[in-house]
Amino acid sequence: MTASILCLMMITGMTVPHVGAGPFVQDDVKNQIASATNTLMGRQDGPPTMEEIVGALLELLDLSAAVTPDNEYKAEIQYRIDVAKDRIKDNSLFDDKARQYLCFAYRMMTEGRKYEMPKELDEFVTPAELQEKTLRYVERLVTQSLEALEGGNRQDTARLLLEIVLMTITPHPG
């Protein structure tokens, strides 16, 4: 089993409710972020199924698209996220094209900055150490995304949620 799959299995959990295309409501989004990321942090009984893992990641993508503020790229970002979601559902969490679509969406959210795996996750000896570092990193992203949401910074909230997904679906070369 690859380090990416071991890491993914360690940080995942149960499914969460689907976010519709309805209006943005901060408290609802906050609760949905908490629910989806609790799934990814493994805060439930028993190991997750692949369906539960995919459900949590799709939920985070829905949330990222929903909180993206109105700007010249919003429609394109949402389109790329939707295509990536379909590819993940139909193919695999590690679908190269899905990852490419999400990386393009990330570039549009960050004024052209490329997504890169966190450097701190490159330094590990065992898969268990990588899993522990990944859990701590995801926890920081979750905290930052909730703080950004509370502060009214929807752009950072959307970007951070997308980073969580990208980090999870990008195979780790270790």
C-alpha atoms as a PDB file:
ATOM      1  CA  MET A   1       0.000   0.000   0.000  1.00  0.00           C
ATOM      2  CA  THR A   2       1.407   3.434  -0.901  1.00  0.00           C
ATOM      3  CA  ALA A   3       2.116   6.133   1.654  1.00  0.00           C
ATOM      4  CA  SER A   4      -0.628   8.292   0.088  1.00  0.00           C
ATOM      5  CA  ILE A   5      -3.288   5.643   0.575  1.00  0.00           C
ATOM      6  CA  LEU A   6      -2.092   4.869   4.116  1.00  0.00           C
ATOM      7  CA  CYS A   7      -2.154   8.571   4.906  1.00  0.00           C
ATOM      8  CA  LEU A   8      -5.588   8.985   3.330  1.00  0.00           C
ATOM      9  CA  MET A   9      -7.002   6.059   5.265  1.00  0.00           C
ATOM     10  CA  MET A  10      -5.596   7.441   8.508  1.00  0.00           C
ATOM     11  CA  ILE A  11      -7.134  10.898   8.122  1.00  0.00           C
ATOM     12  CA  THR A  12     -10.583  10.051   6.786  1.00  0.00           C
ATOM     13  CA  GLY A  13     -14.031   9.168   8.076  1.00  0.00           C
ATOM     14  CA  MET A  14     -17.807   9.226   7.537  1.00  0.00           C
ATOM     15  CA  THR A  15     -19.842  11.107   4.959  1.00  0.00           C
ATOM     16  CA  VAL A  16     -21.408  14.494   5.448  1.00  0.00           C
ATOM     17  CA  PRO A  17     -24.527  16.124   4.031  1.00  0.00           C
ATOM     18  CA  HIS A  18     -24.389  17.649   0.553  1.00  0.00           C
ATOM     19  CA  VAL A  19     -24.134  21.417   0.186  1.00  0.00           C
ATOM     20  CA  GLY A  20     -26.587  22.701  -2.344  1.00  0.00           C
ATOM     21  CA  ALA A  21     -26.175  25.686  -4.572  1.00  0.00           C
ATOM     22  CA  GLY A  22     -28.303  27.761  -2.241  1.00  0.00           C
ATOM     23  CA  PRO A  23     -27.355  31.045  -0.581  1.00  0.00           C
ATOM     24  CA  PHE A  24     -24.237  31.378   1.546  1.00  0.00           C
ATOM     25  CA  VAL A  25     -25.051  31.145   5.276  1.00  0.00           C
ATOM     26  CA  GLN A  26     -21.966  31.451   7.483  1.00  0.00           C
ATOM     27  CA  ASP A  27     -23.190  29.293  10.384  1.00  0.00           C
ATOM     28  CA  ASP A  28     -24.263  26.521   8.008  1.00  0.00           C
ATOM     29  CA  VAL A  29     -20.918  26.634   6.227  1.00  0.00           C
ATOM     30  CA  LYS A  30     -19.054  26.556   9.543  1.00  0.00           C
ATOM     31  CA  ASN A  31     -21.019  23.483  10.659  1.00  0.00           C
ATOM     32  CA  GLN A  32     -20.477  21.761   7.313  1.00  0.00           C
ATOM     33  CA  ILE A  33     -16.731  22.479   7.408  1.00  0.00           C
ATOM     34  CA  ALA A  34     -16.581  21.021  10.900  1.00  0.00           C
ATOM     35  CA  SER A  35     -18.542  17.952   9.868  1.00  0.00           C
ATOM     36  CA  ALA A  36     -16.529  17.267   6.702  1.00  0.00           C
ATOM     37  CA  THR A  37     -13.179  17.850   8.350  1.00  0.00           C
ATOM     38  CA  ASN A  38     -14.122  15.727  11.351  1.00  0.00           C
ATOM     39  CA  THR A  39     -14.567  12.989   8.801  1.00  0.00           C
ATOM     40  CA  LEU A  40     -11.121  13.628   7.364  1.00  0.00           C
ATOM     41  CA  MET A  41      -9.557  13.817  10.817  1.00  0.00           C
ATOM     42  CA  GLY A  42     -10.911  10.370  11.676  1.00  0.00           C
ATOM     43  CA  ARG A  43     -13.156  11.540  14.507  1.00  0.00           C
ATOM     44  CA  GLN A  44     -15.671   8.692  14.365  1.00  0.00           C
ATOM     45  CA  ASP A  45     -15.947   5.027  15.266  1.00  0.00           C
ATOM     46  CA  GLY A  46     -14.498   2.479  12.865  1.00  0.00           C
ATOM     47  CA  PRO A  47     -12.517   2.846   9.689  1.00  0.00           C
ATOM     48  CA  PRO A  48     -14.115   4.785   6.853  1.00  0.00           C
ATOM     49  CA  THR A  49     -15.247   3.293   3.597  1.00  0.00           C
ATOM     50  CA  MET A  50     -13.993   4.668   0.300  1.00  0.00           C
ATOM     51  CA  GLU A  51     -17.499   6.031  -0.276  1.00  0.00           C
ATOM     52  CA  GLU A  52     -17.262   7.981   2.980  1.00  0.00           C
ATOM     53  CA  ILE A  53     -13.838   9.340   2.051  1.00  0.00           C
ATOM     54  CA  VAL A  54     -15.068  10.493  -1.342  1.00  0.00           C
ATOM     55  CA  GLY A  55     -18.198  12.014   0.226  1.00  0.00           C
ATOM     56  CA  ALA A  56     -16.155  14.105   2.654  1.00  0.00           C
ATOM     57  CA  LEU A  57     -13.848  15.376  -0.083  1.00  0.00           C
ATOM     58  CA  LEU A  58     -16.760  16.222  -2.380  1.00  0.00           C
ATOM     59  CA  GLU A  59     -18.372  18.109   0.495  1.00  0.00           C
ATOM     60  CA  LEU A  60     -15.234  20.212   0.934  1.00  0.00           C
ATOM     61  CA  LEU A  61     -15.194  20.934  -2.797  1.00  0.00           C
ATOM     62  CA  ASP A  62     -18.861  21.995  -2.657  1.00  0.00           C
ATOM     63  CA  LEU A  63     -18.056  24.283   0.264  1.00  0.00           C
ATOM     64  CA  SER A  64     -15.035  25.769  -1.476  1.00  0.00           C
ATOM     65  CA  ALA A  65     -17.132  26.559  -4.553  1.00  0.00           C
ATOM     66  CA  ALA A  66     -19.987  27.945  -2.431  1.00  0.00           C
ATOM     67  CA  VAL A  67     -17.849  30.367  -0.416  1.00  0.00           C
ATOM     68  CA  THR A  68     -15.766  31.604  -3.357  1.00  0.00           C
ATOM     69  CA  PRO A  69     -16.525  35.315  -3.495  1.00  0.00           C
ATOM     70  CA  ASP A  70     -17.930  36.970  -6.586  1.00  0.00           C
ATOM     71  CA  ASN A  71     -15.115  37.938  -8.923  1.00  0.00           C
ATOM     72  CA  GLU A  72     -14.142  37.568 -12.557  1.00  0.00           C
ATOM     73  CA  TYR A  73     -13.072  33.942 -12.036  1.00  0.00           C
ATOM     74  CA  LYS A  74     -15.900  32.605  -9.868  1.00  0.00           C
ATOM     75  CA  ALA A  75     -17.811  30.864 -12.662  1.00  0.00           C
ATOM     76  CA  GLU A  76     -14.626  29.283 -14.023  1.00  0.00           C
ATOM     77  CA  ILE A  77     -13.524  28.160 -10.555  1.00  0.00           C
ATOM     78  CA  GLN A  78     -16.920  26.569  -9.924  1.00  0.00           C
ATOM     79  CA  TYR A  79     -16.874  24.890 -13.340  1.00  0.00           C
ATOM     80  CA  ARG A  80     -13.423  23.394 -12.718  1.00  0.00           C
ATOM     81  CA  ILE A  81     -14.459  22.168  -9.284  1.00  0.00           C
ATOM     82  CA  ASP A  82     -17.606  20.561 -10.745  1.00  0.00           C
ATOM     83  CA  VAL A  83     -15.624  18.772 -13.467  1.00  0.00           C
ATOM     84  CA  ALA A  84     -13.116  17.542 -10.891  1.00  0.00           C
ATOM     85  CA  LYS A  85     -15.918  16.285  -8.635  1.00  0.00           C
ATOM     86  CA  ASP A  86     -17.412  14.291 -11.501  1.00  0.00           C
ATOM     87  CA  ARG A  87     -14.026  12.781 -12.343  1.00  0.00           C
ATOM     88  CA  ILE A  88     -13.388  11.832  -8.712  1.00  0.00           C
ATOM     89  CA  LYS A  89     -16.837  10.218  -8.440  1.00  0.00           C
ATOM     90  CA  ASP A  90     -16.495   8.367 -11.745  1.00  0.00           C
ATOM     91  CA  ASN A  91     -12.821   7.402 -11.609  1.00  0.00           C
ATOM     92  CA  SER A  92     -10.624   7.734  -8.544  1.00  0.00           C
ATOM     93  CA  LEU A  93      -9.542  10.054  -5.766  1.00  0.00           C
ATOM     94  CA  PHE A  94      -6.168  10.143  -7.466  1.00  0.00           C
ATOM     95  CA  ASP A  95      -7.472  11.000 -10.947  1.00  0.00           C
ATOM     96  CA  ASP A  96      -4.807  13.122 -12.674  1.00  0.00           C
ATOM     97  CA  LYS A  97      -7.306  15.188 -14.662  1.00  0.00           C
ATOM     98  CA  ALA A  98      -9.379  15.940 -11.553  1.00  0.00           C
ATOM     99  CA  ARG A  99      -6.240  17.127  -9.795  1.00  0.00           C
ATOM    100  CA  GLN A 100      -5.344  19.298 -12.820  1.00  0.00           C
ATOM    101  CA  TYR A 101      -8.783  20.934 -12.815  1.00  0.00           C
ATOM    102  CA  LEU A 102      -8.485  21.648  -9.095  1.00  0.00           C
ATOM    103  CA  CYS A 103      -4.956  23.004  -9.505  1.00  0.00           C
ATOM    104  CA  PHE A 104      -6.243  25.428 -12.157  1.00  0.00           C
ATOM    105  CA  ALA A 105      -9.051  26.490  -9.823  1.00  0.00           C
ATOM    106  CA  TYR A 106      -6.428  27.016  -7.103  1.00  0.00           C
ATOM    107  CA  ARG A 107      -4.365  29.218  -9.451  1.00  0.00           C
ATOM    108  CA  MET A 108      -7.434  31.356 -10.148  1.00  0.00           C
ATOM    109  CA  MET A 109      -8.033  31.712  -6.405  1.00  0.00           C
ATOM    110  CA  THR A 110      -4.419  32.698  -5.702  1.00  0.00           C
ATOM    111  CA  GLU A 111      -3.594  35.086  -8.554  1.00  0.00           C
ATOM    112  CA  GLY A 112      -1.610  32.443 -10.434  1.00  0.00           C
ATOM    113  CA  ARG A 113       0.217  30.768  -7.563  1.00  0.00           C
ATOM    114  CA  LYS A 114       0.781  27.073  -8.143  1.00  0.00           C
ATOM    115  CA  TYR A 115      -0.380  24.481  -5.605  1.00  0.00           C
ATOM    116  CA  GLU A 116       2.520  22.660  -3.978  1.00  0.00           C
ATOM    117  CA  MET A 117       2.489  19.942  -1.361  1.00  0.00           C
ATOM    118  CA  PRO A 118       3.540  21.297   2.044  1.00  0.00           C
ATOM    119  CA  LYS A 119       7.335  21.036   2.444  1.00  0.00           C
ATOM    120  CA  GLU A 120       6.993  19.921   6.056  1.00  0.00           C
ATOM    121  CA  LEU A 121       5.350  16.696   4.864  1.00  0.00           C
ATOM    122  CA  ASP A 122       8.471  15.761   2.890  1.00  0.00           C
ATOM    123  CA  GLU A 123      10.442  14.921   6.016  1.00  0.00           C
ATOM    124  CA  PHE A 124       9.343  11.617   7.530  1.00  0.00           C
ATOM    125  CA  VAL A 125      10.797   8.189   8.235  1.00  0.00           C
ATOM    126  CA  THR A 126       7.750   5.971   8.620  1.00  0.00           C
ATOM    127  CA  PRO A 127       4.222   6.073   7.178  1.00  0.00           C
ATOM    128  CA  ALA A 128       2.933   6.574  10.738  1.00  0.00           C
ATOM    129  CA  GLU A 129       5.076   9.709  11.074  1.00  0.00           C
ATOM    130  CA  LEU A 130       3.738  11.027   7.747  1.00  0.00           C
ATOM    131  CA  GLN A 131       0.184  10.349   8.915  1.00  0.00           C
ATOM    132  CA  GLU A 132       0.744  12.214  12.180  1.00  0.00           C
ATOM    133  CA  LYS A 133       2.282  15.204  10.392  1.00  0.00           C
ATOM    134  CA  THR A 134      -0.567  15.202   7.885  1.00  0.00           C
ATOM    135  CA  LEU A 135      -3.171  15.204  10.652  1.00  0.00           C
ATOM    136  CA  ARG A 136      -1.501  18.170  12.347  1.00  0.00           C
ATOM    137  CA  TYR A 137      -1.247  20.031   9.034  1.00  0.00           C
ATOM    138  CA  VAL A 138      -4.909  19.423   8.169  1.00  0.00           C
ATOM    139  CA  GLU A 139      -5.905  20.582  11.652  1.00  0.00           C
ATOM    140  CA  ARG A 140      -4.060  23.870  11.062  1.00  0.00           C
ATOM    141  CA  LEU A 141      -5.777  24.337   7.683  1.00  0.00           C
ATOM    142  CA  VAL A 142      -9.168  23.659   9.267  1.00  0.00           C
ATOM    143  CA  THR A 143      -8.506  26.180  12.043  1.00  0.00           C
ATOM    144  CA  GLN A 144      -7.308  28.769   9.527  1.00  0.00           C
ATOM    145  CA  SER A 145     -10.328  28.206   7.272  1.00  0.00           C
ATOM    146  CA  LEU A 146     -12.764  28.648  10.175  1.00  0.00           C
ATOM    147  CA  GLU A 147     -10.913  31.777  11.327  1.00  0.00           C
ATOM    148  CA  ALA A 148     -11.017  33.180   7.782  1.00  0.00           C
ATOM    149  CA  LEU A 149     -14.741  32.444   7.585  1.00  0.00           C
ATOM    150  CA  GLU A 150     -15.389  34.115  10.960  1.00  0.00           C
ATOM    151  CA  GLY A 151     -13.376  37.125   9.794  1.00  0.00           C
ATOM    152  CA  GLY A 152     -15.440  37.403   6.603  1.00  0.00           C
ATOM    153  CA  ASN A 153     -12.561  36.356   4.343  1.00  0.00           C
ATOM    154  CA  ARG A 154     -14.373  34.011   1.993  1.00  0.00           C
ATOM    155  CA  GLN A 155     -11.480  33.954  -0.482  1.00  0.00           C
ATOM    156  CA  ASP A 156      -9.076  32.472   2.075  1.00  0.00           C
ATOM    157  CA  THR A 157     -11.760  30.098   3.320  1.00  0.00           C
ATOM    158  CA  ALA A 158     -12.322  28.743  -0.201  1.00  0.00           C
ATOM    159  CA  ARG A 159      -8.578  28.459  -0.865  1.00  0.00           C
ATOM    160  CA  LEU A 160      -7.859  26.652   2.403  1.00  0.00           C
ATOM    161  CA  LEU A 161     -10.665  24.145   1.839  1.00  0.00           C
ATOM    162  CA  LEU A 162      -9.346  23.485  -1.657  1.00  0.00           C
ATOM    163  CA  GLU A 163      -5.846  23.002  -0.209  1.00  0.00           C
ATOM    164  CA  ILE A 164      -7.165  20.306   2.118  1.00  0.00           C
ATOM    165  CA  VAL A 165      -8.624  18.427  -0.838  1.00  0.00           C
ATOM    166  CA  LEU A 166      -5.552  18.890  -3.027  1.00  0.00           C
ATOM    167  CA  MET A 167      -3.274  17.681  -0.257  1.00  0.00           C
ATOM    168  CA  THR A 168      -5.422  14.580   0.163  1.00  0.00           C
ATOM    169  CA  ILE A 169      -5.731  13.623  -3.517  1.00  0.00           C
ATOM    170  CA  THR A 170      -2.129  14.357  -4.494  1.00  0.00           C
ATOM    171  CA  PRO A 171      -0.017  11.210  -4.176  1.00  0.00           C
ATOM    172  CA  HIS A 172       2.938  11.675  -1.885  1.00  0.00           C
ATOM    173  CA  PRO A 173       6.189  10.584  -3.558  1.00  0.00           C
ATOM    174  CA  GLY A 174       7.697   9.348  -0.266  1.00  0.00           C
END
